[in-house]
Amino acid sequence: MAGSGLIKSLAEREQALARQLEEARQAALAKVKEAEAQAAQILAEAEQAAREMEALFRRQIAEAVAQIESEAKAKAEAEAQAIAEGSAARLTEAVEVVLREVLP
């Protein structure tokens, strides 16, 4: 009889250990799922931050390009004005020379 009591006791202990093992497995699984959820949240936040930085850089680049274009346009207009004024002066001088030679 003592042998069957020992077997029953060992069987109960085995069942208790199996329950504890299952509870530990479930707890570990829950922690893994929680960690995965946190990782997904961190990834989503990082991706959003990257998108915001990209948008900021694109705006800064667009502003810099617009500034460069504005400066280049102003410089080109100033050079065109200088050329036009220089050409007008030379044209006036050429007309005067022609008129002096044609009209005595």
C-alpha atoms as a PDB file:
ATOM      1  CA  MET A   1       0.000   0.000   0.000  1.00  0.00           C
ATOM      2  CA  ALA A   2       2.784   2.363   0.821  1.00  0.00           C
ATOM      3  CA  GLY A   3       4.005   1.942  -2.728  1.00  0.00           C
ATOM      4  CA  SER A   4       0.709   3.058  -4.227  1.00  0.00           C
ATOM      5  CA  GLY A   5       0.612   6.086  -1.907  1.00  0.00           C
ATOM      6  CA  LEU A   6       4.081   7.022  -3.033  1.00  0.00           C
ATOM      7  CA  ILE A   7       3.074   6.638  -6.676  1.00  0.00           C
ATOM      8  CA  LYS A   8      -0.056   8.733  -6.072  1.00  0.00           C
ATOM      9  CA  SER A   9       2.019  11.385  -4.299  1.00  0.00           C
ATOM     10  CA  LEU A  10       4.536  11.449  -7.134  1.00  0.00           C
ATOM     11  CA  ALA A  11       1.740  11.658  -9.698  1.00  0.00           C
ATOM     12  CA  GLU A  12       0.152  14.574  -7.838  1.00  0.00           C
ATOM     13  CA  ARG A  13       3.532  16.292  -7.611  1.00  0.00           C
ATOM     14  CA  GLU A  14       4.085  15.729 -11.341  1.00  0.00           C
ATOM     15  CA  GLN A  15       0.658  17.258 -12.096  1.00  0.00           C
ATOM     16  CA  ALA A  16       1.428  20.230  -9.846  1.00  0.00           C
ATOM     17  CA  LEU A  17       4.766  20.764 -11.584  1.00  0.00           C
ATOM     18  CA  ALA A  18       3.076  20.451 -14.985  1.00  0.00           C
ATOM     19  CA  ARG A  19       0.542  23.128 -13.931  1.00  0.00           C
ATOM     20  CA  GLN A  20       3.328  25.390 -12.708  1.00  0.00           C
ATOM     21  CA  LEU A  21       5.225  24.864 -15.931  1.00  0.00           C
ATOM     22  CA  GLU A  22       2.127  25.717 -17.992  1.00  0.00           C
ATOM     23  CA  GLU A  23       1.499  28.843 -15.880  1.00  0.00           C
ATOM     24  CA  ALA A  24       5.115  29.893 -16.363  1.00  0.00           C
ATOM     25  CA  ARG A  25       4.821  29.270 -20.118  1.00  0.00           C
ATOM     26  CA  GLN A  26       1.623  31.362 -20.270  1.00  0.00           C
ATOM     27  CA  ALA A  27       3.244  34.178 -18.264  1.00  0.00           C
ATOM     28  CA  ALA A  28       6.287  34.129 -20.541  1.00  0.00           C
ATOM     29  CA  LEU A  29       4.057  34.179 -23.616  1.00  0.00           C
ATOM     30  CA  ALA A  30       2.146  37.162 -22.212  1.00  0.00           C
ATOM     31  CA  LYS A  31       5.417  39.002 -21.571  1.00  0.00           C
ATOM     32  CA  VAL A  32       6.611  38.248 -25.100  1.00  0.00           C
ATOM     33  CA  LYS A  33       3.354  39.624 -26.540  1.00  0.00           C
ATOM     34  CA  GLU A  34       3.669  42.727 -24.376  1.00  0.00           C
ATOM     35  CA  ALA A  35       7.271  43.229 -25.513  1.00  0.00           C
ATOM     36  CA  GLU A  36       6.223  42.789 -29.160  1.00  0.00           C
ATOM     37  CA  ALA A  37       3.478  45.394 -28.697  1.00  0.00           C
ATOM     38  CA  GLN A  38       5.961  47.819 -27.139  1.00  0.00           C
ATOM     39  CA  ALA A  39       8.435  47.185 -29.948  1.00  0.00           C
ATOM     40  CA  ALA A  40       5.725  47.824 -32.537  1.00  0.00           C
ATOM     41  CA  GLN A  41       4.828  51.094 -30.789  1.00  0.00           C
ATOM     42  CA  ILE A  42       8.458  52.191 -30.684  1.00  0.00           C
ATOM     43  CA  LEU A  43       8.855  51.313 -34.356  1.00  0.00           C
ATOM     44  CA  ALA A  44       5.712  53.267 -35.283  1.00  0.00           C
ATOM     45  CA  GLU A  45       6.959  56.292 -33.342  1.00  0.00           C
ATOM     46  CA  ALA A  46      10.386  56.069 -34.985  1.00  0.00           C
ATOM     47  CA  GLU A  47       8.826  55.824 -38.444  1.00  0.00           C
ATOM     48  CA  GLN A  48       6.618  58.856 -37.704  1.00  0.00           C
ATOM     49  CA  ALA A  49       9.643  60.819 -36.503  1.00  0.00           C
ATOM     50  CA  ALA A  50      11.520  59.852 -39.675  1.00  0.00           C
ATOM     51  CA  ARG A  51       8.587  61.013 -41.830  1.00  0.00           C
ATOM     52  CA  GLU A  52       8.456  64.314 -39.955  1.00  0.00           C
ATOM     53  CA  MET A  53      12.204  64.824 -40.355  1.00  0.00           C
ATOM     54  CA  GLU A  54      11.965  64.026 -44.056  1.00  0.00           C
ATOM     55  CA  ALA A  55       9.157  66.555 -44.466  1.00  0.00           C
ATOM     56  CA  LEU A  56      11.169  69.160 -42.552  1.00  0.00           C
ATOM     57  CA  PHE A  57      14.249  68.552 -44.696  1.00  0.00           C
ATOM     58  CA  ARG A  58      12.178  68.725 -47.880  1.00  0.00           C
ATOM     59  CA  ARG A  59      10.721  72.079 -46.762  1.00  0.00           C
ATOM     60  CA  GLN A  60      14.184  73.391 -45.897  1.00  0.00           C
ATOM     61  CA  ILE A  61      15.550  72.258 -49.248  1.00  0.00           C
ATOM     62  CA  ALA A  62      12.609  73.820 -51.084  1.00  0.00           C
ATOM     63  CA  GLU A  63      13.139  77.092 -49.218  1.00  0.00           C
ATOM     64  CA  ALA A  64      16.864  77.046 -49.984  1.00  0.00           C
ATOM     65  CA  VAL A  65      16.188  76.349 -53.659  1.00  0.00           C
ATOM     66  CA  ALA A  66      13.625  79.163 -53.791  1.00  0.00           C
ATOM     67  CA  GLN A  67      16.139  81.536 -52.174  1.00  0.00           C
ATOM     68  CA  ILE A  68      18.857  80.535 -54.645  1.00  0.00           C
ATOM     69  CA  GLU A  69      16.446  80.946 -57.564  1.00  0.00           C
ATOM     70  CA  SER A  70      15.377  84.366 -56.269  1.00  0.00           C
ATOM     71  CA  GLU A  71      18.981  85.509 -55.893  1.00  0.00           C
ATOM     72  CA  ALA A  72      19.897  84.164 -59.335  1.00  0.00           C
ATOM     73  CA  LYS A  73      16.890  85.882 -60.899  1.00  0.00           C
ATOM     74  CA  ALA A  74      17.732  89.204 -59.225  1.00  0.00           C
ATOM     75  CA  LYS A  75      21.356  88.906 -60.359  1.00  0.00           C
ATOM     76  CA  ALA A  76      20.306  88.043 -63.918  1.00  0.00           C
ATOM     77  CA  GLU A  77      17.878  90.967 -64.004  1.00  0.00           C
ATOM     78  CA  ALA A  78      20.574  93.340 -62.707  1.00  0.00           C
ATOM     79  CA  GLU A  79      23.036  92.088 -65.323  1.00  0.00           C
ATOM     80  CA  ALA A  80      20.394  92.395 -68.047  1.00  0.00           C
ATOM     81  CA  GLN A  81      19.665  95.962 -66.913  1.00  0.00           C
ATOM     82  CA  ALA A  82      23.383  96.809 -66.933  1.00  0.00           C
ATOM     83  CA  ILE A  83      23.776  95.311 -70.405  1.00  0.00           C
ATOM     84  CA  ALA A  84      20.711  97.198 -71.646  1.00  0.00           C
ATOM     85  CA  GLU A  85      22.007 100.471 -70.215  1.00  0.00           C
ATOM     86  CA  GLY A  86      25.464  99.872 -71.654  1.00  0.00           C
ATOM     87  CA  SER A  87      23.962  98.979 -75.015  1.00  0.00           C
ATOM     88  CA  ALA A  88      21.740 102.055 -74.979  1.00  0.00           C
ATOM     89  CA  ALA A  89      24.711 104.310 -74.291  1.00  0.00           C
ATOM     90  CA  ARG A  90      26.739 102.735 -77.099  1.00  0.00           C
ATOM     91  CA  LEU A  91      23.752 102.916 -79.437  1.00  0.00           C
ATOM     92  CA  THR A  92      23.270 106.595 -78.653  1.00  0.00           C
ATOM     93  CA  GLU A  93      26.961 107.201 -79.257  1.00  0.00           C
ATOM     94  CA  ALA A  94      26.844 105.274 -82.546  1.00  0.00           C
ATOM     95  CA  VAL A  95      23.796 107.256 -83.683  1.00  0.00           C
ATOM     96  CA  GLU A  96      25.579 110.516 -82.874  1.00  0.00           C
ATOM     97  CA  VAL A  97      28.645 109.425 -84.853  1.00  0.00           C
ATOM     98  CA  VAL A  98      26.487 108.460 -87.846  1.00  0.00           C
ATOM     99  CA  LEU A  99      24.511 111.690 -87.655  1.00  0.00           C
ATOM    100  CA  ARG A 100      27.728 113.763 -87.531  1.00  0.00           C
ATOM    101  CA  GLU A 101      28.993 112.062 -90.619  1.00  0.00           C
ATOM    102  CA  VAL A 102      25.704 112.218 -92.500  1.00  0.00           C
ATOM    103  CA  LEU A 103      24.679 115.678 -91.444  1.00  0.00           C
ATOM    104  CA  PRO A 104      27.313 118.317 -91.921  1.00  0.00           C
END
